[in-house]
Amino acid sequence: MNLIEFEKWAIAQGSVGNPTPEGSYKGECVSLIQQYLNKVFNIPFKARGNAKDWANITIEGFNRFASDNTPKPGDILVYTWGQYGHMAIITADMKSLEQNKNGNRIVTLGSIESGYAIIQRPTKVDLGVEDNYEIGKTYITKVDLKVREGAGTNYKQKNRNELTVDGQQNAYDYTTAVLKTGTKVTLLEKKVVNDNEIWGRIPSGWIAFKYDGKTYVE
C-alpha cells in the first residue's frame, strides 16, 4: 500500500485500531501509526509505548530528525505535550493525517500543527502520486520551472535558445531555460520517477508536473 492509498483507507475506516490484536485501542493516535507502519512498510506490530515515547525509539527503516527540519511526505511527527503526547502522518500533499486529536477519535485530515518534538522519517516511501494528466492536453504551470533534457533532476537543464519559439517567448531572459509561472504547456509524454514524481515532456523539453509532494502543473 502506498501513502495515498493508506490515506484513503484510513479516512474510509472512520476510526482505526491496532493491526494486532485486530482493532485494539481503536481511536488512539498510536493505533493509526501502527497501521501505517504495517500497511505501508510491512513492519510487524509491537507495543512501542505512548505517543510521546516514539520520540526516543528506533523504527526499522526510519531516521529521527530534530524539530527544526521541515516535514516531508511520509514523515511521522511526534508531539510530546501532555501526559501521553500525540502523533501525525504527513500525506503526499503535505496535510496532517491523525487520530484522536483534541479528543476526536476518528481519522482526520488537516493542516500541519507546529510544536512537534521529533520527526520519524522513512528512508524510502512510495507516495503513490495521483496521475490525472492526459497526453495531448494543455496545462498551466503554477510555478517557475526549469526545462530539462530528460525526466528527472539528474538531467541537464536546457539553455533558453534550445527551446521552441513559443517556449522562448514564455521563458525568462536567462541563459538557462526557466518557464514563467502561468505558461500553457502541451503534454506529449509523461514518466513517473522514484515513485513520487511525475515528469512531462512538452515541445521544449521535460518539466516536473509533480515533485516532492507538490503540484507544479495543473
Protein backbone atom coordinates (compact mmCIF):
# COMPACT_ATOMS: atom_id res chain seq x y z
CA MET A 1 0.00 0.00 0.00
CA ASN A 2 1.40 3.44 -0.89
CA LEU A 3 0.93 6.67 1.08
CA ILE A 4 -2.09 7.91 -0.89
CA GLU A 5 -3.77 4.51 -0.67
CA PHE A 6 -3.21 4.44 3.09
CA GLU A 7 -4.67 7.92 3.50
CA LYS A 8 -7.82 6.91 1.60
CA TRP A 9 -8.09 3.63 3.54
CA ALA A 10 -7.71 5.30 6.94
CA ILE A 11 -10.27 8.02 6.23
CA ALA A 12 -12.73 5.42 4.90
CA GLN A 13 -12.44 3.45 8.16
CA GLY A 14 -13.55 6.42 10.19
CA SER A 15 -11.65 5.15 13.22
CA VAL A 16 -8.90 2.52 13.36
CA GLY A 17 -7.38 0.24 15.98
CA ASN A 18 -4.10 -1.65 16.09
CA PRO A 19 -3.39 -4.28 13.44
CA THR A 20 -2.68 -6.80 16.25
CA PRO A 21 -4.76 -7.67 18.19
CA GLU A 22 -7.07 -6.54 15.38
CA GLY A 23 -8.96 -3.40 16.34
CA SER A 24 -7.45 -2.96 19.80
CA TYR A 25 -7.09 0.59 21.15
CA LYS A 26 -9.41 1.90 18.46
CA GLY A 27 -9.37 5.66 18.05
CA GLU A 28 -5.90 6.22 19.51
CA CYS A 29 -3.30 8.21 17.57
CA VAL A 30 -0.74 5.46 18.12
CA SER A 31 -3.08 2.89 16.56
CA LEU A 32 -3.16 4.88 13.32
CA ILE A 33 0.64 4.99 13.27
CA GLN A 34 0.85 1.25 13.93
CA GLN A 35 -1.44 0.63 10.95
CA TYR A 36 0.71 2.95 8.84
CA LEU A 37 3.89 1.01 9.67
CA ASN A 38 2.16 -2.29 8.99
CA LYS A 39 0.33 -1.49 5.76
CA VAL A 40 2.84 0.81 4.06
CA PHE A 41 6.17 -0.63 5.29
CA ASN A 42 5.21 -4.20 6.28
CA ILE A 43 6.63 -3.61 9.76
CA PRO A 44 5.17 -6.13 12.23
CA PHE A 45 3.18 -4.78 15.14
CA LYS A 46 4.78 -4.47 18.55
CA ALA A 47 3.99 -2.27 21.52
CA ARG A 48 6.13 0.87 21.44
CA GLY A 49 4.60 2.88 24.28
CA ASN A 50 2.58 6.08 24.30
CA ALA A 51 2.88 8.64 21.54
CA LYS A 52 5.49 10.73 23.36
CA ASP A 53 7.69 7.62 23.79
CA TRP A 54 8.10 7.42 20.00
CA ALA A 55 10.38 10.46 20.16
CA ASN A 56 13.12 8.24 21.55
CA ILE A 57 12.68 4.91 19.80
CA THR A 58 14.30 3.48 16.68
CA ILE A 59 11.93 2.28 13.94
CA GLU A 60 13.26 -0.07 11.29
CA GLY A 61 13.72 1.87 8.03
CA PHE A 62 13.26 5.28 9.71
CA ASN A 63 15.62 8.04 10.87
CA ARG A 64 14.99 10.57 13.64
CA PHE A 65 15.29 14.28 12.91
CA ALA A 66 15.01 17.29 15.17
CA SER A 67 12.04 19.64 15.04
CA ASP A 68 13.99 22.28 13.10
CA ASN A 69 13.77 20.05 9.99
CA THR A 70 10.98 20.71 7.51
CA PRO A 71 8.40 17.89 7.33
CA LYS A 72 8.20 15.82 4.15
CA PRO A 73 5.56 13.42 2.79
CA GLY A 74 5.64 10.14 4.71
CA ASP A 75 7.03 11.65 7.91
CA ILE A 76 5.65 10.81 11.34
CA LEU A 77 5.53 13.89 13.58
CA VAL A 78 5.88 13.16 17.29
CA TYR A 79 4.45 15.65 19.79
CA THR A 80 5.47 15.24 23.42
CA TRP A 81 2.91 17.52 25.03
CA GLY A 82 0.62 16.42 27.85
CA GLN A 83 0.59 13.07 29.60
CA TYR A 84 0.67 10.86 26.50
CA GLY A 85 1.75 13.03 23.56
CA HIS A 86 0.39 12.83 20.03
CA MET A 87 1.45 11.74 16.54
CA ALA A 88 0.51 12.55 12.95
CA ILE A 89 1.45 11.40 9.44
CA ILE A 90 2.37 13.81 6.64
CA THR A 91 0.46 12.94 3.47
CA ALA A 92 1.61 13.18 -0.14
CA ASP A 93 0.05 16.64 -0.47
CA MET A 94 1.53 17.87 2.83
CA LYS A 95 -1.53 17.51 5.06
CA SER A 96 -1.61 16.11 8.59
CA LEU A 97 -3.34 12.72 8.88
CA GLU A 98 -4.10 11.91 12.52
CA GLN A 99 -6.50 10.37 15.01
CA ASN A 100 -7.63 11.37 18.50
CA LYS A 101 -6.63 14.99 18.06
CA ASN A 102 -8.25 17.03 20.82
CA GLY A 103 -10.32 14.00 21.79
CA ASN A 104 -11.71 13.45 18.28
CA ARG A 105 -11.34 9.67 17.99
CA ILE A 106 -11.78 9.48 14.22
CA VAL A 107 -9.20 9.86 11.47
CA THR A 108 -8.94 13.49 10.36
CA LEU A 109 -7.04 15.38 7.68
CA GLY A 110 -5.94 18.96 8.21
CA SER A 111 -3.11 21.46 8.42
CA ILE A 112 0.24 20.59 9.97
CA GLU A 113 0.41 21.80 13.55
CA SER A 114 3.68 23.19 14.87
CA GLY A 115 5.21 22.12 18.15
CA TYR A 116 6.34 18.61 17.20
CA ALA A 117 9.45 17.43 19.04
CA ILE A 118 10.80 14.82 16.64
CA ILE A 119 10.34 13.73 13.02
CA GLN A 120 10.47 10.00 12.34
CA ARG A 121 11.31 9.90 8.60
CA PRO A 122 11.23 6.79 6.40
CA THR A 123 14.34 6.21 4.31
CA LYS A 124 12.03 5.40 1.38
CA VAL A 125 8.29 5.68 0.91
CA ASP A 126 6.05 5.13 -2.11
CA LEU A 127 3.91 8.26 -2.18
CA GLY A 128 1.70 6.84 -4.91
CA VAL A 129 1.23 10.19 -6.62
CA GLU A 130 -2.13 10.58 -8.31
CA ASP A 131 -1.74 10.88 -12.07
CA ASN A 132 -4.64 12.69 -13.72
CA TYR A 133 -2.66 14.07 -16.64
CA GLU A 134 -3.63 13.14 -20.21
CA ILE A 135 -1.34 13.08 -23.24
CA GLY A 136 -2.23 15.78 -25.75
CA LYS A 137 -3.93 18.06 -23.25
CA THR A 138 -2.83 21.58 -22.35
CA TYR A 139 -1.96 22.53 -18.76
CA ILE A 140 -0.68 25.62 -16.93
CA THR A 141 2.48 25.94 -14.82
CA LYS A 142 1.84 27.02 -11.21
CA VAL A 143 5.47 27.97 -10.53
CA ASP A 144 8.60 28.90 -12.49
CA LEU A 145 10.01 25.66 -13.92
CA LYS A 146 13.38 24.58 -15.28
CA VAL A 147 13.29 22.79 -18.63
CA ARG A 148 15.50 19.69 -18.72
CA GLU A 149 16.76 17.24 -21.33
CA GLY A 150 15.12 14.26 -19.60
CA ALA A 151 12.69 13.21 -16.90
CA GLY A 152 14.45 13.97 -13.61
CA THR A 153 16.65 16.45 -11.80
CA ASN A 154 19.71 14.42 -12.80
CA TYR A 155 19.25 15.55 -16.40
CA LYS A 156 20.92 18.72 -17.66
CA GLN A 157 18.93 21.93 -17.73
CA LYS A 158 18.44 23.22 -21.25
CA ASN A 159 19.53 26.63 -22.45
CA ARG A 160 16.86 29.14 -23.41
CA ASN A 161 17.95 29.15 -27.06
CA GLU A 162 17.23 25.38 -27.23
CA LEU A 163 13.51 25.88 -26.59
CA THR A 164 10.86 26.26 -29.25
CA VAL A 165 9.99 29.77 -30.34
CA ASP A 166 6.91 29.71 -28.12
CA GLY A 167 8.97 28.31 -25.26
CA GLN A 168 11.49 31.13 -25.53
CA GLN A 169 8.69 33.68 -25.50
CA ASN A 170 7.40 32.22 -22.23
CA ALA A 171 10.82 31.84 -20.57
CA TYR A 172 12.87 34.31 -18.57
CA ASP A 173 15.68 36.08 -20.36
CA TYR A 174 18.29 33.85 -18.75
CA THR A 175 20.98 31.72 -20.39
CA THR A 176 19.34 28.60 -18.94
CA ALA A 177 15.73 27.67 -19.65
CA VAL A 178 13.17 28.64 -16.99
CA LEU A 179 9.49 28.81 -17.93
CA LYS A 180 7.43 31.50 -16.24
CA THR A 181 4.52 30.81 -13.91
CA GLY A 182 1.28 30.71 -15.91
CA THR A 183 2.81 29.26 -19.08
CA LYS A 184 0.49 26.99 -21.10
CA VAL A 185 2.16 23.66 -21.93
CA THR A 186 1.02 20.70 -24.02
CA LEU A 187 1.82 17.25 -22.59
CA LEU A 188 3.44 14.97 -25.20
CA GLU A 189 4.81 12.21 -22.91
CA LYS A 190 4.96 11.51 -19.18
CA LYS A 191 7.02 9.42 -16.78
CA VAL A 192 6.73 8.54 -13.08
CA VAL A 193 10.14 8.79 -11.39
CA ASN A 194 11.15 7.49 -7.92
CA ASP A 195 7.52 6.54 -7.22
CA ASN A 196 6.67 10.11 -6.27
CA GLU A 197 7.44 12.38 -9.22
CA ILE A 198 5.57 12.95 -12.48
CA TRP A 199 7.59 14.46 -15.30
CA GLY A 200 6.09 15.63 -18.56
CA ARG A 201 7.65 16.19 -21.97
CA ILE A 202 6.42 19.34 -23.66
CA PRO A 203 7.57 20.65 -27.06
CA SER A 204 10.54 22.42 -25.42
CA GLY A 205 11.74 19.56 -23.19
CA TRP A 206 10.94 17.94 -19.81
CA ILE A 207 9.45 19.69 -16.78
CA ALA A 208 8.28 18.47 -13.37
CA PHE A 209 4.49 18.23 -13.17
CA LYS A 210 4.54 16.83 -9.61
CA TYR A 211 7.58 16.74 -7.35
CA ASP A 212 8.22 16.08 -3.65
CA GLY A 213 4.51 16.09 -2.81
CA LYS A 214 3.82 19.36 -4.63
CA THR A 215 1.87 20.00 -7.84
CA TYR A 216 3.74 22.28 -10.24
CA VAL A 217 1.49 21.99 -13.29
CA GLU A 218 -2.30 21.75 -13.37
